[in-house]
Amino acid sequence: MVDRPSRRAGKGPSRTSLAWKLTMATFRTITATIRFRPEPIKGSRFIATATPVASSDEAQRVIADITSEMPDATHHCWGWSLHDPERSRSSDDGEPGGSAGRPILAQIQGHKLTNIVVVVTRYFGGTKLGVGGLIRAYGGAAGMVLDRACVVEVEETTKL
């Protein structure tokens, strides 16, 4: 049996017909760019920036803009996640492997956010933090900025 739009008294398709069916997808993102500076850790200063983005190209532009805004920083580690198509990336930017980008991305995923890039900038303070310390510092800074961000749920609908 074929589902066809029905007509009732000339009022057009019924709401149960195929013509009115919608596909819906929802995702959570932030409304605007936010920046947070947590307390220094062993002399190292961290600056976390979260920005809503719609594409990987836009995420890369945001990362490049922050890098050029703070050129004297030691590291600009980042993570981003996109809703459509669903994908994510991260970078340790010279920190030991898995010590910066992954913890940032884990915070994005833990907050259940997409269409977002988080960049955590580090100014080295003279004392090495160790891999565990870096994981806590980068993940903590990302979590703190996301805790302060204004989160919205976006609903995408497509008429079939």
Protein backbone atom coordinates (compact mmCIF):
# COMPACT_ATOMS: atom_id res chain seq x y z
CA MET A 1 0.00 0.00 0.00
CA VAL A 2 1.33 3.42 -0.93
CA ASP A 3 0.98 6.25 1.60
CA ARG A 4 -0.53 9.12 -0.34
CA PRO A 5 -1.49 12.57 0.86
CA SER A 6 -5.20 12.54 1.61
CA ARG A 7 -7.63 15.37 0.99
CA ARG A 8 -10.42 16.20 3.39
CA ALA A 9 -12.97 18.71 2.18
CA GLY A 10 -10.36 20.45 0.02
CA LYS A 11 -8.14 21.38 2.99
CA GLY A 12 -4.97 19.80 1.64
CA PRO A 13 -2.94 16.90 3.03
CA SER A 14 -3.83 15.54 6.45
CA ARG A 15 -1.24 15.85 9.21
CA THR A 16 -0.80 12.07 9.25
CA SER A 17 -0.01 11.81 5.56
CA LEU A 18 3.49 11.54 4.14
CA ALA A 19 3.44 15.19 3.05
CA TRP A 20 3.42 16.32 6.69
CA LYS A 21 5.99 13.91 8.14
CA LEU A 22 9.19 15.51 9.38
CA THR A 23 12.53 14.12 10.35
CA MET A 24 13.96 15.74 13.45
CA ALA A 25 17.41 15.84 14.96
CA THR A 26 18.40 17.72 18.07
CA PHE A 27 21.80 18.69 19.36
CA ARG A 28 23.26 20.90 22.08
CA THR A 29 25.66 23.74 21.42
CA ILE A 30 26.61 27.11 22.92
CA THR A 31 25.17 30.49 21.94
CA ALA A 32 28.31 32.63 21.89
CA THR A 33 32.07 32.67 22.40
CA ILE A 34 33.17 32.57 26.02
CA ARG A 35 36.63 32.81 27.56
CA PHE A 36 37.74 31.75 31.04
CA ARG A 37 41.07 32.04 32.88
CA PRO A 38 41.41 29.52 35.72
CA GLU A 39 43.91 30.00 38.52
CA PRO A 40 47.55 29.41 37.43
CA ILE A 41 48.97 25.95 38.08
CA LYS A 42 52.64 25.88 39.17
CA GLY A 43 53.19 29.16 37.35
CA SER A 44 51.55 28.07 34.08
CA ARG A 45 48.63 30.21 32.95
CA PHE A 46 45.76 28.65 30.99
CA ILE A 47 43.12 30.48 28.95
CA ALA A 48 40.14 28.45 27.72
CA THR A 49 38.01 29.72 24.83
CA ALA A 50 34.82 28.02 23.61
CA THR A 51 33.19 29.10 20.34
CA PRO A 52 30.18 27.80 18.42
CA VAL A 53 31.04 26.67 14.86
CA ALA A 54 29.17 25.11 11.95
CA SER A 55 32.01 23.48 9.99
CA SER A 56 35.55 22.15 10.28
CA ASP A 57 36.78 25.11 8.21
CA GLU A 58 35.20 27.52 10.68
CA ALA A 59 36.77 25.61 13.60
CA GLN A 60 40.21 25.87 11.96
CA ARG A 61 39.70 29.63 11.44
CA VAL A 62 38.83 30.07 15.12
CA ILE A 63 41.97 28.14 16.13
CA ALA A 64 44.11 30.26 13.76
CA ASP A 65 42.56 33.49 15.09
CA ILE A 66 43.28 32.55 18.72
CA THR A 67 46.82 31.49 17.80
CA SER A 68 47.48 34.85 16.10
CA GLU A 69 45.81 36.73 18.98
CA MET A 70 48.21 35.12 21.50
CA PRO A 71 51.38 34.42 19.48
CA ASP A 72 53.69 34.31 22.51
CA ALA A 73 51.79 31.42 24.17
CA THR A 74 53.61 28.10 24.49
CA HIS A 75 50.72 25.88 23.30
CA HIS A 76 47.26 26.22 21.75
CA CYS A 77 45.62 22.84 22.31
CA TRP A 78 42.14 22.25 21.01
CA GLY A 79 39.21 19.95 20.42
CA TRP A 80 36.15 20.35 18.23
CA SER A 81 32.98 18.40 17.60
CA LEU A 82 30.45 18.78 14.77
CA HIS A 83 26.89 17.52 14.53
CA ASP A 84 26.48 17.15 10.77
CA PRO A 85 28.29 15.09 9.75
CA GLU A 86 29.13 13.80 13.21
CA ARG A 87 32.86 14.04 13.68
CA SER A 88 35.46 15.39 16.08
CA ARG A 89 39.16 16.18 16.21
CA SER A 90 41.73 17.30 18.74
CA SER A 91 45.35 18.44 18.94
CA ASP A 92 47.99 18.41 21.68
CA ASP A 93 50.03 21.13 19.89
CA GLY A 94 53.39 19.84 21.10
CA GLU A 95 52.32 18.65 24.55
CA PRO A 96 52.85 14.91 25.25
CA GLY A 97 50.47 12.73 23.24
CA GLY A 98 46.96 12.50 24.68
CA SER A 99 47.66 15.00 27.48
CA ALA A 100 45.77 18.02 26.13
CA GLY A 101 43.55 17.56 23.06
CA ARG A 102 41.87 14.37 24.26
CA PRO A 103 40.94 15.78 27.70
CA ILE A 104 39.49 18.87 25.98
CA LEU A 105 37.46 16.69 23.60
CA ALA A 106 36.35 14.50 26.53
CA GLN A 107 34.90 17.60 28.23
CA ILE A 108 33.02 18.58 25.06
CA GLN A 109 31.60 15.07 24.81
CA GLY A 110 30.88 14.90 28.54
CA HIS A 111 28.85 18.12 28.28
CA LYS A 112 27.06 16.52 25.28
CA LEU A 113 27.89 19.45 22.98
CA THR A 114 28.45 19.64 19.24
CA ASN A 115 29.15 22.40 16.72
CA ILE A 116 31.77 23.77 19.08
CA VAL A 117 35.51 24.30 19.26
CA VAL A 118 37.40 24.68 22.56
CA VAL A 119 40.95 26.05 22.53
CA VAL A 120 43.03 25.99 25.71
CA THR A 121 46.06 28.25 25.49
CA ARG A 122 49.01 27.67 27.84
CA TYR A 123 51.73 30.06 28.91
CA PHE A 124 54.47 27.87 30.43
CA GLY A 125 55.35 28.90 33.95
CA GLY A 126 58.71 27.18 34.34
CA THR A 127 57.60 24.00 36.14
CA LYS A 128 56.69 20.84 34.23
CA LEU A 129 53.29 19.47 35.24
CA GLY A 130 53.74 15.86 34.09
CA VAL A 131 51.27 14.04 31.88
CA GLY A 132 48.72 13.60 34.68
CA GLY A 133 48.98 17.26 35.63
CA LEU A 134 48.54 18.32 32.00
CA ILE A 135 45.46 16.11 31.61
CA ARG A 136 43.91 17.66 34.72
CA ALA A 137 44.90 21.20 33.71
CA TYR A 138 43.66 21.08 30.09
CA GLY A 139 40.56 19.03 30.88
CA GLY A 140 39.81 21.20 33.90
CA ALA A 141 40.13 24.47 31.96
CA ALA A 142 37.89 23.13 29.18
CA GLY A 143 35.32 21.92 31.71
CA MET A 144 35.30 25.26 33.53
CA VAL A 145 34.69 27.30 30.36
CA LEU A 146 31.92 24.92 29.25
CA ASP A 147 30.29 25.07 32.71
CA ARG A 148 30.02 28.85 32.25
CA ALA A 149 28.75 28.78 28.64
CA CYS A 150 25.13 29.39 27.69
CA VAL A 151 23.95 26.08 26.22
CA VAL A 152 20.99 25.75 23.84
CA GLU A 153 19.29 22.76 22.29
CA VAL A 154 18.88 23.11 18.54
CA GLU A 155 16.18 21.15 16.73
CA GLU A 156 16.65 20.56 13.02
CA THR A 157 13.58 19.55 11.04
CA THR A 158 13.38 18.43 7.45
CA LYS A 159 10.08 18.09 5.62
CA LEU A 160 9.90 14.89 3.62
